[in-house]
Amino acid sequence: MSNVDIFVGEIIGTAILILFGAGVCAAVTLRFSKARASGWIVIAFGWGFGVLAGAYTAAPLSGGHINPAVTLGLAVDTGVWDKVWVYLLGQIVGAMLGAILAYLLYFAQFRANVRQTGTTDGTVDEAVPTLGIFSTIPEIRNPVANLMTEILATIALVLPILALVGDDRVVQGVGIGPIPGEGAGIYGSGISILLVSLLVVGIGLSLGGPTGYAINPARDLGPRIVHQFLPIPNKGTSDWGYAWIPVVGPAVGGILGALIYNAAF
């Protein structure tokens, strides 16, 4: 598997992940969206389907990591580090691309994010901050608690992934997205990707409440960079003071998840 294959695969897969994820957040958040205010369950499933689509698409090229925490966990588990930088670079670029695509898809809704006053009953519909569409925001701003949440949630992601992929867990090989026919059982068929997608839905439903469950440094950092520069009316702050937590927390969680797996299994 060449560096070019890995780089292109991770760009495409991560872009699809963010297109689905930021897309569902935009659908639930923005005015004039048919899915507005449809709730947390919709968001959790939207992100889960993003993992499903992104990882399956990237699998033949890169293995479909689409998450630096997963890449780091696999590297710690296998001891193979030489291609990690290619994965990380592709994931960041892909996350930025996906955020731009989500913006373009909801372009009209973003442009309509202005204060509107009712013409007959005096009602006022305020513009909404848009950072939460692209990146995570904690419900209670407590750096220690927020960091702990991201670490634990990412352990809950990476540890089961290592158990699911079995002998296919290699950084430069098929990773979490086994190519159909190249293994045995659920690993060769690629069903592990479906199971990981459902795992992400479960993490969102059960563990996502405090911080919005980044569990993926690229998923948060790439779109946050894009949000900083997009010409969105009334978009609010990009909150760079918090930005280190959804990067450091998942990275630490991915490494700890692999260390726990190696120690236990």
Protein backbone atom coordinates (compact mmCIF):
# COMPACT_ATOMS: atom_id res chain seq x y z
CA MET A 1 0.00 0.00 0.00
CA SER A 2 1.70 3.17 -1.23
CA ASN A 3 1.82 6.53 0.51
CA VAL A 4 -0.25 8.00 -2.32
CA ASP A 5 -2.96 5.36 -1.87
CA ILE A 6 -3.08 6.00 1.87
CA PHE A 7 -3.12 9.77 1.45
CA VAL A 8 -5.86 9.77 -1.19
CA GLY A 9 -7.92 7.14 0.63
CA GLU A 10 -7.85 9.01 3.91
CA ILE A 11 -8.72 12.31 2.24
CA ILE A 12 -11.74 10.78 0.53
CA GLY A 13 -12.89 8.73 3.51
CA THR A 14 -12.52 11.53 6.05
CA ALA A 15 -14.17 14.03 3.72
CA ILE A 16 -17.19 11.73 3.45
CA LEU A 17 -17.26 11.32 7.23
CA ILE A 18 -17.33 15.08 7.80
CA LEU A 19 -19.79 15.71 4.97
CA PHE A 20 -22.25 13.38 6.70
CA GLY A 21 -21.41 14.54 10.23
CA ALA A 22 -21.32 18.29 9.69
CA GLY A 23 -24.23 17.81 7.32
CA VAL A 24 -26.48 16.28 9.94
CA CYS A 25 -25.48 18.95 12.46
CA ALA A 26 -26.35 21.64 9.91
CA ALA A 27 -29.64 19.91 9.17
CA VAL A 28 -30.61 19.92 12.83
CA THR A 29 -29.30 23.42 13.61
CA LEU A 30 -29.94 25.77 10.72
CA ARG A 31 -33.12 27.66 9.97
CA PHE A 32 -34.96 26.60 6.79
CA SER A 33 -33.72 23.03 7.11
CA LYS A 34 -36.44 20.39 6.96
CA ALA A 35 -34.66 18.50 9.76
CA ARG A 36 -34.31 21.47 12.09
CA ALA A 37 -34.56 20.62 15.80
CA SER A 38 -34.86 16.89 15.09
CA GLY A 39 -32.55 16.13 17.99
CA TRP A 40 -29.55 14.28 19.33
CA ILE A 41 -30.56 10.81 18.12
CA VAL A 42 -30.58 12.05 14.54
CA ILE A 43 -27.11 13.54 15.02
CA ALA A 44 -25.74 10.33 16.51
CA PHE A 45 -27.01 8.22 13.62
CA GLY A 46 -25.85 10.77 11.05
CA TRP A 47 -22.28 10.55 12.36
CA GLY A 48 -22.52 6.77 12.50
CA PHE A 49 -23.57 6.59 8.87
CA GLY A 50 -20.70 8.96 8.05
CA VAL A 51 -18.26 6.47 9.56
CA LEU A 52 -19.91 3.67 7.59
CA ALA A 53 -19.72 5.50 4.26
CA GLY A 54 -16.28 6.99 4.78
CA ALA A 55 -14.54 3.87 6.05
CA TYR A 56 -16.06 1.57 3.42
CA THR A 57 -15.06 3.98 0.66
CA ALA A 58 -11.49 4.40 1.90
CA ALA A 59 -10.96 0.73 2.77
CA PRO A 60 -9.48 -0.50 -0.54
CA LEU A 61 -6.97 2.36 -0.61
CA SER A 62 -5.95 3.03 2.99
CA GLY A 63 -7.87 0.71 5.29
CA GLY A 64 -10.33 3.42 6.25
CA HIS A 65 -8.89 4.70 9.52
CA ILE A 66 -10.39 8.22 8.98
CA ASN A 67 -9.41 9.09 12.56
CA PRO A 68 -5.96 9.94 13.98
CA ALA A 69 -6.91 8.29 17.29
CA VAL A 70 -7.49 5.00 15.46
CA THR A 71 -4.25 5.38 13.52
CA LEU A 72 -2.29 6.07 16.70
CA GLY A 73 -3.95 3.16 18.48
CA LEU A 74 -3.11 0.77 15.64
CA ALA A 75 0.47 2.05 15.56
CA VAL A 76 0.91 1.51 19.31
CA ASP A 77 -0.62 -1.96 19.01
CA THR A 78 1.47 -3.11 16.04
CA GLY A 79 4.63 -1.06 16.54
CA VAL A 80 4.45 0.14 12.92
CA TRP A 81 4.88 3.91 12.75
CA ASP A 82 6.46 4.68 9.38
CA LYS A 83 3.21 5.59 7.58
CA VAL A 84 1.39 7.25 10.47
CA TRP A 85 2.26 10.74 9.25
CA VAL A 86 0.67 10.01 5.86
CA TYR A 87 -2.55 8.92 7.55
CA LEU A 88 -2.66 11.98 9.80
CA LEU A 89 -2.02 14.41 6.97
CA GLY A 90 -4.68 12.83 4.77
CA GLN A 91 -7.19 12.88 7.63
CA ILE A 92 -6.70 16.59 8.36
CA VAL A 93 -6.95 17.53 4.67
CA GLY A 94 -10.00 15.32 4.25
CA ALA A 95 -11.71 16.80 7.30
CA MET A 96 -11.20 20.31 5.95
CA LEU A 97 -12.51 19.28 2.55
CA GLY A 98 -15.56 17.63 4.09
CA ALA A 99 -16.36 20.76 6.09
CA ILE A 100 -16.20 22.88 2.94
CA LEU A 101 -18.51 20.45 1.13
CA ALA A 102 -21.02 20.54 4.01
CA TYR A 103 -20.94 24.33 3.86
CA LEU A 104 -21.61 24.30 0.12
CA LEU A 105 -24.44 21.80 0.51
CA TYR A 106 -26.17 24.03 3.07
CA PHE A 107 -25.00 27.27 1.45
CA ALA A 108 -28.44 28.86 1.24
CA GLN A 109 -29.22 27.99 4.87
CA PHE A 110 -25.90 29.40 6.06
CA ARG A 111 -26.50 32.62 4.12
CA ALA A 112 -29.92 32.90 5.74
CA ASN A 113 -28.41 32.80 9.24
CA VAL A 114 -29.50 36.35 10.08
CA ARG A 115 -31.84 37.88 12.63
CA GLN A 116 -35.39 37.88 11.29
CA THR A 117 -38.29 39.84 12.70
CA GLY A 118 -41.85 38.64 12.13
CA THR A 119 -44.03 40.91 10.03
CA THR A 120 -47.37 40.18 11.70
CA ASP A 121 -46.98 38.95 15.26
CA GLY A 122 -43.79 40.68 16.29
CA THR A 123 -41.79 37.47 16.68
CA VAL A 124 -38.01 37.47 16.36
CA ASP A 125 -35.96 34.57 15.06
CA GLU A 126 -32.34 35.05 16.12
CA ALA A 127 -29.30 33.95 14.14
CA VAL A 128 -27.62 30.84 15.58
CA PRO A 129 -23.90 30.30 16.30
CA THR A 130 -22.54 27.82 13.77
CA LEU A 131 -19.38 26.39 15.36
CA GLY A 132 -21.30 23.40 16.71
CA ILE A 133 -22.06 22.35 13.14
CA PHE A 134 -18.36 21.94 12.44
CA SER A 135 -16.65 21.20 15.76
CA THR A 136 -17.43 20.27 19.34
CA ILE A 137 -18.44 22.57 22.19
CA PRO A 138 -18.70 21.41 25.81
CA GLU A 139 -21.98 21.86 27.66
CA ILE A 140 -20.06 22.71 30.85
CA ARG A 141 -16.66 24.29 30.26
CA ASN A 142 -14.37 22.42 32.64
CA PRO A 143 -11.02 21.54 31.03
CA VAL A 144 -10.26 18.60 33.32
CA ALA A 145 -13.72 17.08 33.00
CA ASN A 146 -13.87 17.77 29.26
CA LEU A 147 -10.46 16.20 28.66
CA MET A 148 -11.39 13.15 30.74
CA THR A 149 -14.61 12.73 28.78
CA GLU A 150 -12.79 12.74 25.46
CA ILE A 151 -10.12 10.32 26.70
CA LEU A 152 -12.64 7.82 28.05
CA ALA A 153 -14.94 8.06 25.04
CA THR A 154 -12.02 7.44 22.69
CA ILE A 155 -10.87 4.44 24.73
CA ALA A 156 -14.42 3.16 24.31
CA LEU A 157 -13.92 3.52 20.56
CA VAL A 158 -10.39 2.20 20.02
CA LEU A 159 -10.45 -0.75 22.40
CA PRO A 160 -13.46 -2.42 20.71
CA ILE A 161 -12.04 -1.59 17.27
CA LEU A 162 -8.87 -3.52 18.05
CA ALA A 163 -10.98 -6.45 19.21
CA LEU A 164 -13.15 -6.27 16.09
CA VAL A 165 -10.40 -6.15 13.48
CA GLY A 166 -8.37 -9.01 14.95
CA ASP A 167 -5.30 -9.95 12.92
CA ASP A 168 -6.11 -7.32 10.28
CA ARG A 169 -5.05 -4.46 12.59
CA VAL A 170 -2.09 -3.05 10.68
CA VAL A 171 -1.36 0.59 10.05
CA GLN A 172 -0.30 0.16 6.44
CA GLY A 173 -2.69 -2.68 5.64
CA VAL A 174 -6.42 -3.08 5.68
CA GLY A 175 -6.92 -1.56 9.12
CA ILE A 176 -10.53 -1.26 10.19
CA GLY A 177 -11.73 -1.65 6.61
CA PRO A 178 -10.80 -5.11 5.38
CA ILE A 179 -11.08 -5.49 1.64
CA PRO A 180 -13.83 -8.02 0.84
CA GLY A 181 -12.45 -11.48 0.20
CA GLU A 182 -9.04 -10.81 1.71
CA GLY A 183 -9.62 -12.39 5.10
CA ALA A 184 -12.03 -14.62 6.92
CA GLY A 185 -15.35 -14.16 8.69
CA ILE A 186 -16.43 -10.65 9.56
CA TYR A 187 -12.93 -9.28 8.94
CA GLY A 188 -12.67 -10.39 5.35
CA SER A 189 -16.23 -9.35 4.55
CA GLY A 190 -15.81 -5.83 5.92
CA ILE A 191 -18.66 -6.25 8.41
CA SER A 192 -16.30 -4.86 11.04
CA ILE A 193 -16.86 -1.41 9.53
CA LEU A 194 -20.60 -1.73 10.06
CA LEU A 195 -20.00 -2.76 13.66
CA VAL A 196 -17.66 0.18 14.23
CA SER A 197 -20.30 2.50 12.78
CA LEU A 198 -22.86 1.19 15.25
CA LEU A 199 -20.26 1.58 17.99
CA VAL A 200 -19.90 5.26 17.08
CA VAL A 201 -23.68 5.68 17.26
CA GLY A 202 -23.63 4.12 20.71
CA ILE A 203 -20.81 6.37 21.88
CA GLY A 204 -22.74 9.39 20.68
CA LEU A 205 -25.92 8.35 22.46
CA SER A 206 -24.29 7.27 25.72
CA LEU A 207 -21.07 9.29 26.05
CA GLY A 208 -21.54 12.29 23.79
CA GLY A 209 -23.60 14.53 26.05
CA PRO A 210 -20.84 16.38 27.95
CA THR A 211 -18.61 17.47 25.05
CA GLY A 212 -20.23 16.41 21.78
CA TYR A 213 -17.86 13.41 21.44
CA ALA A 214 -15.08 14.50 19.11
CA ILE A 215 -13.26 11.13 19.60
CA ASN A 216 -11.31 12.13 16.49
CA PRO A 217 -8.75 14.96 16.40
CA ALA A 218 -9.12 15.52 12.65
CA ARG A 219 -12.91 15.59 12.88
CA ASP A 220 -12.69 18.59 15.22
CA LEU A 221 -9.56 20.45 14.15
CA GLY A 222 -10.02 20.40 10.37
CA PRO A 223 -13.58 21.77 10.38
CA ARG A 224 -12.67 24.30 13.09
CA ILE A 225 -9.97 25.70 10.81
CA VAL A 226 -12.48 25.90 7.97
CA HIS A 227 -15.06 27.57 10.23
CA GLN A 228 -12.52 30.25 11.08
CA PHE A 229 -12.36 31.36 7.44
CA LEU A 230 -15.83 30.65 6.03
CA PRO A 231 -17.92 33.76 5.26
CA ILE A 232 -20.92 32.70 7.37
CA PRO A 233 -23.14 35.51 8.69
CA ASN A 234 -23.25 35.69 12.50
CA LYS A 235 -21.13 32.56 12.76
CA GLY A 236 -19.76 33.35 16.21
CA THR A 237 -16.37 32.41 17.57
CA SER A 238 -14.26 29.42 16.51
CA ASP A 239 -13.37 28.94 20.20
CA TRP A 240 -9.64 28.25 19.85
CA GLY A 241 -9.22 28.28 23.62
CA TYR A 242 -11.05 24.95 23.78
CA ALA A 243 -9.65 23.50 20.55
CA TRP A 244 -6.75 21.60 22.16
CA ILE A 245 -9.06 19.33 24.21
CA PRO A 246 -10.75 17.50 21.29
CA VAL A 247 -7.28 16.99 19.79
CA VAL A 248 -5.26 15.91 22.82
CA GLY A 249 -8.06 13.94 24.51
CA PRO A 250 -8.78 11.58 21.60
CA ALA A 251 -5.07 11.16 20.84
CA VAL A 252 -4.38 10.12 24.42
CA GLY A 253 -7.48 7.93 24.44
CA GLY A 254 -6.41 6.14 21.28
CA ILE A 255 -2.98 5.36 22.71
CA LEU A 256 -4.41 4.24 26.06
CA GLY A 257 -6.96 2.06 24.33
CA ALA A 258 -4.20 0.23 22.48
CA LEU A 259 -2.10 -0.15 25.63
CA ILE A 260 -5.08 -1.62 27.49
CA TYR A 261 -5.75 -4.00 24.62
CA ASN A 262 -2.13 -5.19 24.52
CA ALA A 263 -2.03 -5.63 28.27
CA ALA A 264 -5.32 -7.53 28.46
CA PHE A 265 -5.26 -9.59 25.27
